[in-house]
């Protein structure tokens, strides 16, 4: 998304969904400044808390949806991430914070298995925040415009353009190297490429368009 110049187009969309701690300040020209919903992994919560004033006070009109394994998100006082979010909710009572239930997380696991034929646990995979976000978007939105996501074949192209894993990365981490590493990691990897195959399948059934780069579905 760097140097895309698509910020104004994104800001005109009625509902803008972002993921984890992806910033807008300083990147407005390329990614816009509005955020309606932010879907956040349990691993990204510490980064949001570190910049809590910006995320939970200045962006008080944003709804946050947090997801994570039960050991971190359990609500019996033993979930470390959930406990931290409760403290944020007390400090910023105007913030709109929501946590996915274990049943909701299991639903996403079941969808992954239905689409791939593989049990997520047995295959050593972790679902990405993008996977949860796409499922949420299909339930929320009549039409979905996805920005800055490459398709499953992009990294095999000989003429591909090397891009950063995150547009806001300060260290030059190549996106395709990251995807290939995770796709073939035996345990604990995100199956980014497999997930993109699934998204292309979903796009045939939903009003879903991919921009910058565009997908040939």
C-alpha atoms as a PDB file:
ATOM      1  CA  UNK A   1       0.000   0.000   0.000  1.00  0.00           C
ATOM      2  CA  UNK A   2       2.975   2.337   0.207  1.00  0.00           C
ATOM      3  CA  UNK A   3       2.762   5.033  -2.477  1.00  0.00           C
ATOM      4  CA  UNK A   4      -0.616   3.720  -3.625  1.00  0.00           C
ATOM      5  CA  UNK A   5      -2.356   7.067  -3.158  1.00  0.00           C
ATOM      6  CA  UNK A   6      -5.605   5.244  -2.287  1.00  0.00           C
ATOM      7  CA  UNK A   7      -6.242   6.876   1.082  1.00  0.00           C
ATOM      8  CA  UNK A   8      -9.064   9.141  -0.120  1.00  0.00           C
ATOM      9  CA  UNK A   9     -10.812   6.213  -1.823  1.00  0.00           C
ATOM     10  CA  UNK A  10     -10.620   4.145   1.360  1.00  0.00           C
ATOM     11  CA  UNK A  11     -11.944   6.972   3.521  1.00  0.00           C
ATOM     12  CA  UNK A  12     -15.029   7.235   1.291  1.00  0.00           C
ATOM     13  CA  UNK A  13     -16.032   3.634   2.057  1.00  0.00           C
ATOM     14  CA  UNK A  14     -18.875   3.482   4.632  1.00  0.00           C
ATOM     15  CA  UNK A  15     -17.171   0.887   6.830  1.00  0.00           C
ATOM     16  CA  UNK A  16     -13.382   0.571   7.053  1.00  0.00           C
ATOM     17  CA  UNK A  17     -11.963  -2.527   8.733  1.00  0.00           C
ATOM     18  CA  UNK A  18      -8.296  -2.649   9.762  1.00  0.00           C
ATOM     19  CA  UNK A  19      -6.248  -5.336  11.434  1.00  0.00           C
ATOM     20  CA  UNK A  20      -4.098  -5.477  14.547  1.00  0.00           C
ATOM     21  CA  UNK A  21      -2.087  -2.300  15.190  1.00  0.00           C
ATOM     22  CA  UNK A  22      -1.809  -1.155  11.552  1.00  0.00           C
ATOM     23  CA  UNK A  23      -1.351   2.631  11.906  1.00  0.00           C
ATOM     24  CA  UNK A  24      -2.959   5.405   9.885  1.00  0.00           C
ATOM     25  CA  UNK A  25      -1.094   8.442  11.226  1.00  0.00           C
ATOM     26  CA  UNK A  26       1.579   9.337   8.713  1.00  0.00           C
ATOM     27  CA  UNK A  27       0.151   6.963   6.101  1.00  0.00           C
ATOM     28  CA  UNK A  28      -3.183   8.679   5.402  1.00  0.00           C
ATOM     29  CA  UNK A  29      -2.397   9.368   1.740  1.00  0.00           C
ATOM     30  CA  UNK A  30      -2.032   5.647   1.062  1.00  0.00           C
ATOM     31  CA  UNK A  31      -4.362   3.914   3.546  1.00  0.00           C
ATOM     32  CA  UNK A  32      -6.768   6.624   4.734  1.00  0.00           C
ATOM     33  CA  UNK A  33      -7.454   7.806   8.252  1.00  0.00           C
ATOM     34  CA  UNK A  34     -10.851   6.338   9.176  1.00  0.00           C
ATOM     35  CA  UNK A  35     -11.324   3.087  11.072  1.00  0.00           C
ATOM     36  CA  UNK A  36     -14.788   1.681  11.762  1.00  0.00           C
ATOM     37  CA  UNK A  37     -13.732  -1.726  13.078  1.00  0.00           C
ATOM     38  CA  UNK A  38     -10.313  -3.024  14.083  1.00  0.00           C
ATOM     39  CA  UNK A  39      -9.851  -6.791  14.417  1.00  0.00           C
ATOM     40  CA  UNK A  40      -6.980  -7.546  16.789  1.00  0.00           C
ATOM     41  CA  UNK A  41      -5.033 -10.698  17.595  1.00  0.00           C
ATOM     42  CA  UNK A  42      -4.145 -11.490  21.203  1.00  0.00           C
ATOM     43  CA  UNK A  43      -0.479 -11.117  20.209  1.00  0.00           C
ATOM     44  CA  UNK A  44      -1.044  -7.518  19.073  1.00  0.00           C
ATOM     45  CA  UNK A  45      -2.822  -6.364  22.235  1.00  0.00           C
ATOM     46  CA  UNK A  46       0.426  -5.294  24.010  1.00  0.00           C
ATOM     47  CA  UNK A  47       1.256  -2.938  21.115  1.00  0.00           C
ATOM     48  CA  UNK A  48      -2.165  -1.307  21.329  1.00  0.00           C
ATOM     49  CA  UNK A  49      -1.857  -0.946  25.089  1.00  0.00           C
ATOM     50  CA  UNK A  50       1.566   0.643  24.689  1.00  0.00           C
ATOM     51  CA  UNK A  51      -0.094   3.370  22.566  1.00  0.00           C
ATOM     52  CA  UNK A  52      -3.377   3.213  24.455  1.00  0.00           C
ATOM     53  CA  UNK A  53      -4.176   6.930  24.325  1.00  0.00           C
ATOM     54  CA  UNK A  54      -4.178   6.955  20.541  1.00  0.00           C
ATOM     55  CA  UNK A  55      -6.138   3.739  20.084  1.00  0.00           C
ATOM     56  CA  UNK A  56      -8.671   3.927  22.891  1.00  0.00           C
ATOM     57  CA  UNK A  57      -9.177   7.655  23.439  1.00  0.00           C
ATOM     58  CA  UNK A  58      -8.418   9.470  20.208  1.00  0.00           C
ATOM     59  CA  UNK A  59     -10.056   6.663  18.199  1.00  0.00           C
ATOM     60  CA  UNK A  60     -13.026   6.207  20.540  1.00  0.00           C
ATOM     61  CA  UNK A  61     -15.414   5.820  17.581  1.00  0.00           C
ATOM     62  CA  UNK A  62     -13.669   2.613  16.493  1.00  0.00           C
ATOM     63  CA  UNK A  63     -15.095  -0.770  17.510  1.00  0.00           C
ATOM     64  CA  UNK A  64     -12.405  -3.284  18.519  1.00  0.00           C
ATOM     65  CA  UNK A  65     -12.879  -7.036  18.084  1.00  0.00           C
ATOM     66  CA  UNK A  66     -10.257  -9.124  19.894  1.00  0.00           C
ATOM     67  CA  UNK A  67      -9.587 -12.796  19.288  1.00  0.00           C
ATOM     68  CA  UNK A  68      -7.255 -15.353  20.793  1.00  0.00           C
ATOM     69  CA  UNK A  69      -6.964 -18.830  22.324  1.00  0.00           C
ATOM     70  CA  UNK A  70      -8.959 -19.558  25.430  1.00  0.00           C
ATOM     71  CA  UNK A  71      -5.835 -19.671  27.614  1.00  0.00           C
ATOM     72  CA  UNK A  72      -5.318 -15.953  26.929  1.00  0.00           C
ATOM     73  CA  UNK A  73      -8.920 -14.817  26.537  1.00  0.00           C
ATOM     74  CA  UNK A  74     -10.696 -16.824  29.247  1.00  0.00           C
ATOM     75  CA  UNK A  75     -12.975 -14.733  31.440  1.00  0.00           C
ATOM     76  CA  UNK A  76     -12.453 -16.452  34.800  1.00  0.00           C
ATOM     77  CA  UNK A  77      -9.605 -14.193  35.890  1.00  0.00           C
ATOM     78  CA  UNK A  78      -6.908 -16.429  34.412  1.00  0.00           C
ATOM     79  CA  UNK A  79      -6.926 -14.990  30.892  1.00  0.00           C
ATOM     80  CA  UNK A  80      -3.982 -12.567  30.862  1.00  0.00           C
ATOM     81  CA  UNK A  81      -4.980 -10.785  27.663  1.00  0.00           C
ATOM     82  CA  UNK A  82      -8.647 -10.565  28.631  1.00  0.00           C
ATOM     83  CA  UNK A  83      -7.650  -9.167  32.035  1.00  0.00           C
ATOM     84  CA  UNK A  84      -5.534  -6.504  30.336  1.00  0.00           C
ATOM     85  CA  UNK A  85      -8.471  -5.542  28.124  1.00  0.00           C
ATOM     86  CA  UNK A  86     -10.727  -5.262  31.159  1.00  0.00           C
ATOM     87  CA  UNK A  87      -8.287  -2.769  32.646  1.00  0.00           C
ATOM     88  CA  UNK A  88      -8.338  -0.779  29.384  1.00  0.00           C
ATOM     89  CA  UNK A  89     -12.144  -0.816  29.401  1.00  0.00           C
ATOM     90  CA  UNK A  90     -12.129   0.607  32.922  1.00  0.00           C
ATOM     91  CA  UNK A  91      -9.601   3.297  31.966  1.00  0.00           C
ATOM     92  CA  UNK A  92     -11.426   4.259  28.741  1.00  0.00           C
ATOM     93  CA  UNK A  93     -15.153   3.685  29.381  1.00  0.00           C
ATOM     94  CA  UNK A  94     -16.116   5.198  26.002  1.00  0.00           C
ATOM     95  CA  UNK A  95     -14.056   2.623  24.083  1.00  0.00           C
ATOM     96  CA  UNK A  96     -16.021  -0.079  22.261  1.00  0.00           C
ATOM     97  CA  UNK A  97     -14.238  -3.350  23.051  1.00  0.00           C
ATOM     98  CA  UNK A  98     -15.521  -6.801  22.102  1.00  0.00           C
ATOM     99  CA  UNK A  99     -13.982 -10.242  22.577  1.00  0.00           C
ATOM    100  CA  UNK A 100     -14.702 -13.289  20.454  1.00  0.00           C
ATOM    101  CA  UNK A 101     -16.114 -16.142  22.482  1.00  0.00           C
ATOM    102  CA  UNK A 102     -14.457 -19.584  22.410  1.00  0.00           C
ATOM    103  CA  UNK A 103     -17.429 -20.761  20.347  1.00  0.00           C
ATOM    104  CA  UNK A 104     -16.781 -18.047  17.783  1.00  0.00           C
ATOM    105  CA  UNK A 105     -13.092 -18.967  17.522  1.00  0.00           C
ATOM    106  CA  UNK A 106     -14.069 -22.637  17.147  1.00  0.00           C
ATOM    107  CA  UNK A 107     -16.447 -21.678  14.334  1.00  0.00           C
ATOM    108  CA  UNK A 108     -13.549 -20.154  12.410  1.00  0.00           C
ATOM    109  CA  UNK A 109     -11.483 -23.306  13.023  1.00  0.00           C
ATOM    110  CA  UNK A 110     -14.368 -25.375  11.660  1.00  0.00           C
ATOM    111  CA  UNK A 111     -14.612 -23.181   8.563  1.00  0.00           C
ATOM    112  CA  UNK A 112     -10.875 -23.656   7.925  1.00  0.00           C
ATOM    113  CA  UNK A 113     -11.273 -27.423   8.209  1.00  0.00           C
ATOM    114  CA  UNK A 114     -14.333 -27.461   5.947  1.00  0.00           C
ATOM    115  CA  UNK A 115     -12.453 -25.516   3.282  1.00  0.00           C
ATOM    116  CA  UNK A 116      -9.151 -27.415   3.445  1.00  0.00           C
ATOM    117  CA  UNK A 117     -10.028 -30.857   4.792  1.00  0.00           C
ATOM    118  CA  UNK A 118      -7.334 -30.354   7.426  1.00  0.00           C
ATOM    119  CA  UNK A 119      -7.774 -30.012  11.163  1.00  0.00           C
ATOM    120  CA  UNK A 120      -6.056 -26.793  12.175  1.00  0.00           C
ATOM    121  CA  UNK A 121      -4.515 -28.257  15.338  1.00  0.00           C
ATOM    122  CA  UNK A 122      -3.264 -31.439  13.715  1.00  0.00           C
ATOM    123  CA  UNK A 123      -1.798 -29.538  10.759  1.00  0.00           C
ATOM    124  CA  UNK A 124       0.113 -27.182  13.071  1.00  0.00           C
ATOM    125  CA  UNK A 125      -1.555 -24.079  11.666  1.00  0.00           C
ATOM    126  CA  UNK A 126      -2.578 -20.829  13.319  1.00  0.00           C
ATOM    127  CA  UNK A 127      -5.341 -18.831  11.662  1.00  0.00           C
ATOM    128  CA  UNK A 128      -4.308 -15.326  10.710  1.00  0.00           C
ATOM    129  CA  UNK A 129      -6.114 -12.193  11.826  1.00  0.00           C
ATOM    130  CA  UNK A 130      -7.003 -11.777   8.159  1.00  0.00           C
ATOM    131  CA  UNK A 131      -8.977 -15.027   8.221  1.00  0.00           C
ATOM    132  CA  UNK A 132     -11.098 -13.888  11.172  1.00  0.00           C
ATOM    133  CA  UNK A 133     -11.513 -10.482   9.525  1.00  0.00           C
ATOM    134  CA  UNK A 134     -12.714 -11.875   6.197  1.00  0.00           C
ATOM    135  CA  UNK A 135     -15.328 -14.033   7.931  1.00  0.00           C
ATOM    136  CA  UNK A 136     -16.516 -11.038   9.963  1.00  0.00           C
ATOM    137  CA  UNK A 137     -16.618  -8.848   6.850  1.00  0.00           C
ATOM    138  CA  UNK A 138     -18.755 -11.368   4.951  1.00  0.00           C
ATOM    139  CA  UNK A 139     -21.262 -11.332   7.805  1.00  0.00           C
ATOM    140  CA  UNK A 140     -21.266  -7.532   8.174  1.00  0.00           C
ATOM    141  CA  UNK A 141     -21.031  -6.221   4.629  1.00  0.00           C
ATOM    142  CA  UNK A 142     -23.080  -6.486   1.458  1.00  0.00           C
ATOM    143  CA  UNK A 143     -19.978  -5.705  -0.579  1.00  0.00           C
ATOM    144  CA  UNK A 144     -16.300  -6.052   0.325  1.00  0.00           C
ATOM    145  CA  UNK A 145     -13.361  -4.138  -1.147  1.00  0.00           C
ATOM    146  CA  UNK A 146      -9.996  -5.595  -0.102  1.00  0.00           C
ATOM    147  CA  UNK A 147      -6.915  -3.391  -0.404  1.00  0.00           C
ATOM    148  CA  UNK A 148      -3.273  -4.410  -0.509  1.00  0.00           C
ATOM    149  CA  UNK A 149      -3.632  -8.203  -0.500  1.00  0.00           C
ATOM    150  CA  UNK A 150      -1.733 -10.368  -2.992  1.00  0.00           C
ATOM    151  CA  UNK A 151      -3.276 -13.561  -4.336  1.00  0.00           C
ATOM    152  CA  UNK A 152      -2.016 -17.111  -3.864  1.00  0.00           C
ATOM    153  CA  UNK A 153      -0.050 -17.129  -7.148  1.00  0.00           C
ATOM    154  CA  UNK A 154       1.671 -13.771  -6.788  1.00  0.00           C
ATOM    155  CA  UNK A 155       4.858 -15.059  -5.170  1.00  0.00           C
ATOM    156  CA  UNK A 156       5.420 -17.552  -8.016  1.00  0.00           C
ATOM    157  CA  UNK A 157       5.514 -14.856 -10.662  1.00  0.00           C
ATOM    158  CA  UNK A 158       8.909 -14.099 -12.166  1.00  0.00           C
ATOM    159  CA  UNK A 159       7.973 -10.445 -12.648  1.00  0.00           C
ATOM    160  CA  UNK A 160       6.598  -9.907  -9.174  1.00  0.00           C
ATOM    161  CA  UNK A 161       7.425  -6.730  -7.324  1.00  0.00           C
ATOM    162  CA  UNK A 162       9.092  -7.147  -3.937  1.00  0.00           C
ATOM    163  CA  UNK A 163       6.977  -5.461  -1.267  1.00  0.00           C
ATOM    164  CA  UNK A 164       7.080  -5.131   2.504  1.00  0.00           C
ATOM    165  CA  UNK A 165       5.162  -7.586   4.661  1.00  0.00           C
ATOM    166  CA  UNK A 166       3.524  -4.557   6.344  1.00  0.00           C
ATOM    167  CA  UNK A 167       3.294  -1.134   4.721  1.00  0.00           C
ATOM    168  CA  UNK A 168       4.440   0.378   8.004  1.00  0.00           C
ATOM    169  CA  UNK A 169       7.450  -1.913   8.510  1.00  0.00           C
ATOM    170  CA  UNK A 170      10.637  -0.069   9.368  1.00  0.00           C
ATOM    171  CA  UNK A 171      12.727  -3.154   8.634  1.00  0.00           C
ATOM    172  CA  UNK A 172      12.602  -4.460   5.069  1.00  0.00           C
ATOM    173  CA  UNK A 173      10.750  -7.769   5.522  1.00  0.00           C
ATOM    174  CA  UNK A 174       9.808  -9.273   2.147  1.00  0.00           C
ATOM    175  CA  UNK A 175       6.160 -10.334   2.048  1.00  0.00           C
ATOM    176  CA  UNK A 176       6.687 -13.433  -0.106  1.00  0.00           C
ATOM    177  CA  UNK A 177       9.547 -14.698   2.046  1.00  0.00           C
ATOM    178  CA  UNK A 178       7.308 -14.333   5.099  1.00  0.00           C
ATOM    179  CA  UNK A 179       4.423 -16.154   3.397  1.00  0.00           C
ATOM    180  CA  UNK A 180       6.577 -19.053   2.202  1.00  0.00           C
ATOM    181  CA  UNK A 181       8.185 -19.434   5.620  1.00  0.00           C
ATOM    182  CA  UNK A 182       4.817 -19.671   7.356  1.00  0.00           C
ATOM    183  CA  UNK A 183       3.179 -21.868   4.714  1.00  0.00           C
ATOM    184  CA  UNK A 184       5.773 -24.608   5.177  1.00  0.00           C
ATOM    185  CA  UNK A 185       6.400 -24.235   8.907  1.00  0.00           C
ATOM    186  CA  UNK A 186       5.582 -27.536  10.608  1.00  0.00           C
ATOM    187  CA  UNK A 187       4.131 -26.014  13.771  1.00  0.00           C
ATOM    188  CA  UNK A 188       2.753 -22.610  14.604  1.00  0.00           C
ATOM    189  CA  UNK A 189       2.674 -21.111  11.114  1.00  0.00           C
ATOM    190  CA  UNK A 190      -0.011 -19.045   9.442  1.00  0.00           C
ATOM    191  CA  UNK A 191      -1.125 -20.653   6.177  1.00  0.00           C
ATOM    192  CA  UNK A 192      -1.270 -17.315   4.371  1.00  0.00           C
ATOM    193  CA  UNK A 193      -1.172 -18.774   0.845  1.00  0.00           C
ATOM    194  CA  UNK A 194      -3.792 -21.420   1.618  1.00  0.00           C
ATOM    195  CA  UNK A 195      -6.025 -18.735   3.126  1.00  0.00           C
ATOM    196  CA  UNK A 196      -5.792 -16.686  -0.075  1.00  0.00           C
ATOM    197  CA  UNK A 197      -6.954 -19.685  -2.100  1.00  0.00           C
ATOM    198  CA  UNK A 198      -9.963 -19.808   0.227  1.00  0.00           C
ATOM    199  CA  UNK A 199     -10.643 -16.075  -0.217  1.00  0.00           C
ATOM    200  CA  UNK A 200     -10.690 -16.488  -4.000  1.00  0.00           C
ATOM    201  CA  UNK A 201     -13.269 -19.235  -3.563  1.00  0.00           C
ATOM    202  CA  UNK A 202     -15.388 -17.037  -1.302  1.00  0.00           C
ATOM    203  CA  UNK A 203     -15.177 -14.170  -3.772  1.00  0.00           C
ATOM    204  CA  UNK A 204     -17.077 -16.286  -6.287  1.00  0.00           C
ATOM    205  CA  UNK A 205     -20.030 -16.370  -3.889  1.00  0.00           C
ATOM    206  CA  UNK A 206     -19.848 -12.877  -2.379  1.00  0.00           C
ATOM    207  CA  UNK A 207     -19.516  -9.371  -3.766  1.00  0.00           C
ATOM    208  CA  UNK A 208     -15.793  -9.178  -3.086  1.00  0.00           C
ATOM    209  CA  UNK A 209     -13.193  -7.216  -5.042  1.00  0.00           C
ATOM    210  CA  UNK A 210      -9.428  -7.087  -4.548  1.00  0.00           C
ATOM    211  CA  UNK A 211      -7.550  -3.881  -5.277  1.00  0.00           C
ATOM    212  CA  UNK A 212      -3.856  -3.026  -5.455  1.00  0.00           C
ATOM    213  CA  UNK A 213      -3.114  -5.580  -6.688  1.00  0.00           C
ATOM    214  CA  UNK A 214      -6.269  -6.693  -8.453  1.00  0.00           C
ATOM    215  CA  UNK A 215      -7.086 -10.401  -8.627  1.00  0.00           C
ATOM    216  CA  UNK A 216      -8.074 -12.281 -11.752  1.00  0.00           C
ATOM    217  CA  UNK A 217     -10.780 -14.477 -10.240  1.00  0.00           C
END
